[in-house]
Protein backbone atom coordinates (compact mmCIF):
# COMPACT_ATOMS: atom_id res chain seq x y z
CA MET A 1 195.94 23.35 32.09
CA SER A 2 195.71 23.00 28.31
CA ALA A 3 194.97 19.30 28.62
CA SER A 4 192.06 19.95 30.96
CA ILE A 5 190.67 22.53 28.55
CA LEU A 6 190.91 20.33 25.45
CA PHE A 7 189.87 17.06 27.06
CA ASP A 8 187.66 16.07 29.96
CA THR A 9 189.46 14.37 32.81
CA PRO A 10 188.45 10.67 32.70
CA GLY A 11 186.39 9.43 35.58
CA PRO A 12 186.64 6.03 37.33
CA LYS A 13 184.62 4.19 34.67
CA ALA A 14 186.57 5.78 31.83
CA ARG A 15 189.90 4.93 33.48
CA ARG A 16 188.77 1.35 33.99
CA ARG A 17 187.67 1.15 30.35
CA ILE A 18 191.01 2.56 29.17
CA LEU A 19 192.87 0.06 31.33
CA ILE A 20 190.89 -2.84 29.88
CA ILE A 21 191.50 -1.63 26.32
CA ASN A 22 195.23 -1.35 27.02
CA ILE A 23 195.39 -4.85 28.48
CA VAL A 24 193.47 -6.30 25.53
CA GLY A 25 195.71 -4.45 23.09
CA ALA A 26 198.85 -5.73 24.84
CA LEU A 27 197.54 -9.30 24.80
CA ILE A 28 196.77 -9.02 21.07
CA ALA A 29 200.27 -7.69 20.40
CA VAL A 30 201.84 -10.51 22.42
CA GLY A 31 199.67 -13.02 20.58
CA ILE A 32 200.79 -11.70 17.18
CA VAL A 33 204.45 -11.86 18.22
CA ALA A 34 204.00 -15.40 19.54
CA TRP A 35 202.24 -16.46 16.32
CA ILE A 36 205.09 -15.08 14.22
CA PHE A 37 207.69 -16.71 16.47
CA PHE A 38 206.13 -20.17 16.42
CA GLY A 39 205.50 -19.86 12.67
CA LEU A 40 209.17 -19.14 12.06
CA ALA A 41 210.18 -21.92 14.43
CA ALA A 42 208.04 -24.39 12.50
CA LYS A 43 209.91 -23.39 9.33
CA GLY A 44 213.27 -23.88 11.02
CA GLN A 45 214.07 -20.15 11.03
CA MET A 46 214.68 -19.96 14.78
CA GLN A 47 217.37 -22.60 14.91
CA PRO A 48 220.58 -21.43 16.66
CA GLU A 49 222.72 -22.05 13.58
CA GLN A 50 220.64 -19.48 11.69
CA TRP A 51 221.67 -16.77 14.15
CA ASP A 52 225.27 -17.80 14.93
CA ASP A 53 226.70 -15.63 12.16
CA PHE A 54 225.45 -12.46 13.83
CA ILE A 55 227.26 -13.05 17.12
CA GLN A 56 230.62 -13.42 15.42
CA ALA A 57 233.03 -10.49 15.50
CA SER A 58 234.06 -10.99 11.86
CA THR A 59 230.49 -10.47 10.68
CA TRP A 60 230.24 -7.13 12.42
CA LYS A 61 233.77 -6.07 11.51
CA ASN A 62 233.59 -6.88 7.80
CA TYR A 63 229.93 -6.29 7.01
CA LEU A 64 227.55 -4.76 9.53
CA LEU A 65 229.76 -2.04 11.04
CA PRO A 66 231.09 -0.80 7.63
CA GLY A 67 227.50 -0.72 6.39
CA LEU A 68 226.36 1.14 9.50
CA LEU A 69 229.23 3.61 9.04
CA ASN A 70 228.13 4.36 5.47
CA THR A 71 224.54 4.74 6.61
CA VAL A 72 225.52 7.22 9.32
CA LYS A 73 227.83 9.04 6.89
CA ALA A 74 225.04 9.49 4.34
CA ALA A 75 222.64 10.56 7.10
CA ILE A 76 225.03 13.15 8.55
CA LEU A 77 225.76 14.65 5.11
CA GLY A 78 222.04 14.62 4.37
CA ILE A 79 221.23 16.34 7.66
CA ILE A 80 223.81 19.08 7.21
CA GLY A 81 222.82 19.69 3.59
CA SER A 82 219.07 19.64 4.29
CA VAL A 83 219.40 22.16 7.14
CA ILE A 84 221.38 24.54 4.89
CA PHE A 85 218.97 23.99 1.99
CA GLY A 86 215.97 24.48 4.27
CA LEU A 87 217.29 27.69 5.80
CA VAL A 88 218.13 29.23 2.42
CA PHE A 89 214.85 28.40 0.72
CA GLY A 90 212.80 28.87 3.91
CA ILE A 91 214.04 32.43 4.15
CA GLY A 92 213.47 32.77 0.39
CA ARG A 93 209.82 31.84 0.88
CA LEU A 94 209.56 34.56 3.51
CA SER A 95 211.06 37.20 1.24
CA GLN A 96 208.93 40.12 0.07
CA ASN A 97 210.68 39.99 -3.30
CA LYS A 98 208.18 38.24 -5.59
CA LEU A 99 210.90 36.76 -7.80
CA ILE A 100 212.82 35.21 -4.90
CA ASN A 101 209.63 34.11 -3.19
CA GLY A 102 208.23 32.53 -6.34
CA PHE A 103 211.47 30.74 -7.23
CA SER A 104 211.86 29.38 -3.67
CA THR A 105 208.23 28.24 -3.64
CA VAL A 106 208.62 26.33 -6.94
CA ILE A 107 211.82 24.63 -5.76
CA VAL A 108 210.41 23.62 -2.39
CA GLU A 109 207.07 22.37 -3.71
CA PHE A 110 208.75 20.45 -6.56
CA PHE A 111 211.26 18.53 -4.45
CA ARG A 112 208.70 17.92 -1.71
CA ALA A 113 206.38 16.27 -4.25
CA VAL A 114 208.98 14.01 -5.89
CA PRO A 115 209.50 10.61 -4.13
CA VAL A 116 212.90 10.08 -2.53
CA LEU A 117 213.42 6.76 -4.30
CA LEU A 118 212.85 8.36 -7.71
CA MET A 119 215.40 11.07 -6.91
CA ILE A 120 217.95 8.49 -5.75
CA VAL A 121 217.68 6.58 -9.02
CA PHE A 122 217.76 9.80 -11.09
CA PHE A 123 220.84 11.24 -9.36
CA ASN A 124 222.62 7.90 -9.56
CA VAL A 125 222.18 7.79 -13.34
CA PHE A 126 222.91 11.52 -13.67
CA PHE A 127 226.12 11.44 -11.63
CA SER A 128 227.52 8.22 -13.08
CA ARG A 129 226.60 8.62 -16.76
CA SER A 130 226.11 12.31 -17.46
CA LEU A 131 228.61 13.96 -15.12
CA GLU A 132 230.81 10.86 -14.73
CA LEU A 133 231.81 11.89 -11.23
CA PRO A 134 234.75 10.02 -9.68
CA GLY A 135 234.36 8.15 -6.44
CA ASP A 136 231.26 6.62 -4.92
CA THR A 137 228.47 8.06 -7.05
CA ALA A 138 225.92 5.96 -5.20
CA LEU A 139 226.75 7.78 -1.96
CA TRP A 140 226.38 11.21 -3.55
CA ALA A 141 223.15 10.17 -5.24
CA VAL A 142 221.65 9.15 -1.88
CA VAL A 143 222.95 12.32 -0.17
CA ALA A 144 221.60 14.58 -2.94
CA ALA A 145 218.15 12.97 -2.78
CA LEU A 146 218.07 13.26 1.00
CA ILE A 147 219.12 16.92 0.86
CA PHE A 148 216.59 18.01 -1.75
CA TYR A 149 213.61 16.17 -0.28
CA ASN A 150 214.21 16.72 3.44
CA GLY A 151 215.57 20.22 2.80
CA SER A 152 212.24 21.18 1.29
CA VAL A 153 210.50 19.85 4.41
CA VAL A 154 212.88 21.87 6.61
CA ALA A 155 212.13 24.96 4.50
CA GLU A 156 208.42 24.49 5.27
CA LEU A 157 209.26 24.11 8.96
CA VAL A 158 211.16 27.39 8.87
CA ARG A 159 208.32 29.19 7.05
CA SER A 160 205.60 27.86 9.32
CA GLY A 161 207.74 28.45 12.42
CA VAL A 162 208.14 32.14 11.56
CA HIS A 163 204.46 32.53 10.72
CA ASN A 164 203.46 30.98 14.04
CA LEU A 165 205.46 33.53 16.05
CA PRO A 166 203.50 36.35 17.69
CA LYS A 167 203.24 39.38 15.43
CA GLY A 168 204.61 41.53 18.21
CA GLN A 169 208.08 40.09 17.61
CA ARG A 170 208.44 41.76 14.23
CA GLU A 171 206.75 44.94 15.42
CA ALA A 172 209.16 45.15 18.32
CA GLY A 173 212.12 44.73 15.99
CA ILE A 174 210.84 47.44 13.65
CA ALA A 175 210.16 49.69 16.65
CA ILE A 176 213.83 49.62 17.70
CA GLY A 177 215.00 50.50 14.20
CA LEU A 178 215.47 47.13 12.53
CA THR A 179 214.43 46.52 8.95
CA ARG A 180 212.14 43.61 8.10
CA GLY A 181 215.10 41.57 6.87
CA MET A 182 217.13 42.28 10.01
CA SER A 183 214.15 41.42 12.18
CA LEU A 184 213.80 38.16 10.26
CA ARG A 185 217.48 37.23 10.64
CA TYR A 186 218.11 38.36 14.22
CA ILE A 187 214.74 37.86 15.96
CA GLU A 188 212.27 35.66 14.09
CA ILE A 189 214.46 32.94 12.53
CA PRO A 190 216.33 32.13 15.79
CA GLN A 191 213.06 31.85 17.70
CA ALA A 192 211.50 29.72 14.95
CA LEU A 193 214.52 27.36 14.97
CA VAL A 194 214.20 26.87 18.72
CA ALA A 195 210.45 26.23 18.44
CA MET A 196 210.81 23.73 15.59
CA LEU A 197 213.83 21.88 17.04
CA PRO A 198 211.83 18.81 18.18
CA ALA A 199 210.22 18.52 14.73
CA LEU A 200 213.64 19.02 13.13
CA ILE A 201 215.13 16.14 15.14
CA GLY A 202 212.15 14.02 14.09
CA GLN A 203 213.05 14.84 10.46
CA PHE A 204 216.58 13.64 11.15
CA VAL A 205 215.07 10.24 12.00
CA VAL A 206 213.37 10.24 8.60
CA ILE A 207 216.71 11.03 6.90
CA LEU A 208 218.39 8.11 8.65
CA LYS A 209 215.63 5.70 7.62
CA ASP A 210 215.50 6.95 4.05
CA SER A 211 219.23 6.30 3.63
CA ALA A 212 218.35 2.58 3.48
CA LEU A 213 216.70 3.24 0.10
CA GLY A 214 220.22 3.42 -1.30
CA TYR A 215 220.05 -0.39 -1.40
CA ILE A 216 218.20 -0.02 -4.71
CA ILE A 217 221.30 1.46 -6.40
CA SER A 218 223.74 -0.88 -4.59
CA PHE A 219 224.90 1.76 -2.15
CA ASN A 220 227.05 -0.03 0.46
CA GLU A 221 224.91 0.84 3.46
CA LEU A 222 223.76 -1.37 6.31
CA LEU A 223 220.88 -3.09 4.52
CA PHE A 224 223.01 -3.78 1.42
CA PHE A 225 225.84 -5.35 3.42
CA ALA A 226 223.38 -7.40 5.46
CA ARG A 227 221.70 -8.81 2.35
CA THR A 228 225.07 -9.41 0.65
CA TYR A 229 226.39 -11.38 3.60
CA SER A 230 223.26 -13.38 4.34
CA SER A 231 222.20 -14.40 0.84
CA PRO A 232 224.86 -17.13 0.38
CA ASN A 233 224.31 -18.37 3.95
CA GLY A 234 220.53 -18.69 3.64
CA ASN A 235 219.68 -16.51 6.65
CA VAL A 236 218.35 -13.40 4.93
CA LEU A 237 215.39 -13.14 7.31
CA GLN A 238 217.71 -13.12 10.31
CA ALA A 239 219.87 -10.44 8.69
CA LEU A 240 216.81 -8.27 8.08
CA ILE A 241 215.69 -8.67 11.69
CA VAL A 242 219.13 -7.70 13.00
CA THR A 243 219.21 -4.70 10.66
CA ALA A 244 215.73 -3.66 11.80
CA VAL A 245 216.78 -3.87 15.45
CA ILE A 246 219.78 -1.63 14.75
CA PHE A 247 217.60 0.97 13.02
CA ILE A 248 215.02 0.78 15.82
CA LEU A 249 217.69 1.40 18.50
CA ILE A 250 219.15 4.38 16.65
CA ASN A 251 215.75 5.91 15.87
CA PHE A 252 214.55 5.28 19.42
CA THR A 253 217.61 7.13 20.72
CA LEU A 254 216.93 10.09 18.40
CA SER A 255 213.26 10.12 19.45
CA LYS A 256 214.25 10.25 23.11
CA ILE A 257 216.62 13.11 22.36
CA ALA A 258 213.74 14.93 20.66
CA GLU A 259 211.56 14.38 23.74
CA GLN A 260 214.25 15.71 26.06
CA VAL A 261 214.81 18.74 23.83
CA SER A 262 211.08 19.41 23.80
CA LYS A 263 210.87 19.21 27.60
CA ARG A 264 213.83 21.52 28.06
CA LEU A 265 212.40 24.04 25.60
CA SER A 266 208.99 23.98 27.29
CA THR A 267 210.72 24.50 30.67
CA ARG A 268 212.65 27.48 29.28
CA VAL A 269 209.46 28.97 27.84
CA LYS A 270 207.69 28.68 31.21
CA LYS A 271 210.64 30.31 32.99
CA ALA A 272 210.71 33.09 30.42
CA LYS A 273 207.00 33.74 30.89
CA ASN A 274 207.33 33.86 34.69
CA ALA A 275 210.48 36.01 34.66
CA PRO A 276 210.09 39.79 35.14
CA ALA A 277 210.21 41.84 31.94
CA VAL A 278 213.57 43.55 32.44
CA VAL A 279 214.73 43.60 28.83
CA GLY A 280 212.58 46.54 27.85
CA THR A 281 213.53 48.42 31.02
CA THR A 282 217.21 47.85 30.31
CA ALA A 283 216.82 49.07 26.75
CA VAL A 284 214.97 52.19 27.89
CA THR A 285 217.54 52.88 30.59
CA PHE A 286 220.33 52.45 28.10
CA ALA A 287 218.59 54.82 25.68
CA GLU A 288 218.06 57.40 28.40
CA THR A 289 221.66 57.10 29.58
CA GLY A 290 222.95 57.48 26.06
CA THR A 291 220.78 60.56 25.56
CA LYS A 292 221.95 62.15 28.80
CA ASP A 293 225.60 61.44 27.98
CA ASP A 294 225.17 62.92 24.54
CA SER A 295 223.58 66.06 25.98
CA LYS A 296 226.45 66.45 28.45
CA GLU A 297 229.00 66.14 25.69
CA GLN A 298 227.15 68.79 23.70
């Protein structure tokens, strides 16, 4: 229904035109891929010996899988930290306390404006030279940068998700005796999290991709191990292509998960809209029952 309101349904000529454009676009894409392939083949980059290393078990066991494990580890820590950071400062931006609101706004806007790469380099120097932390400081530098940048984005998702809720949600909470803070915690935030879940999963894809920036500070992630292994063997291009395919498969999987989550949420919303409104009746019945029981006891 919404699609028919926003856009006119294409007629036969429009559908034919769209089909022709799609075919032409596909042919152009195939032509570009073929041009790249034959160009690499002319340079000897498509020879089987250039790719043999990446079908050996030792290459995956000693280089690619350990690098992928570090990448996933940094991404998971970044996801957990950014969600916590985003919830704390997202709620802070919704606070009526001007001091808390102003402080949260400054923090969120600052870290959202600073590039991730700059934060990675800064935290690496700060952790290794100033704090002199033991262990893998490169890992913690990447995780800290991912948390602060993506956490600020999550905080904005929380704030915008709450503001996009119908105003009746808060009014209903206040009508049953909840304070504004209780309404925010028990009614608005949970609904906002459900509504922004597809966008949140999309942000997780960004976190996974940004973890590859740790290569700049020699963090032992997938890209770093691939470059380290392939440089002496002279097949850096092949290593980069294999690494790109791995990232594409993981991100494609996460994108499909986001699509499925979005479909399930939209289905639940439609069912909720079509369901009879029994919640209010139950609450009223409960209130009346409680009143009658109290009167009997008195």
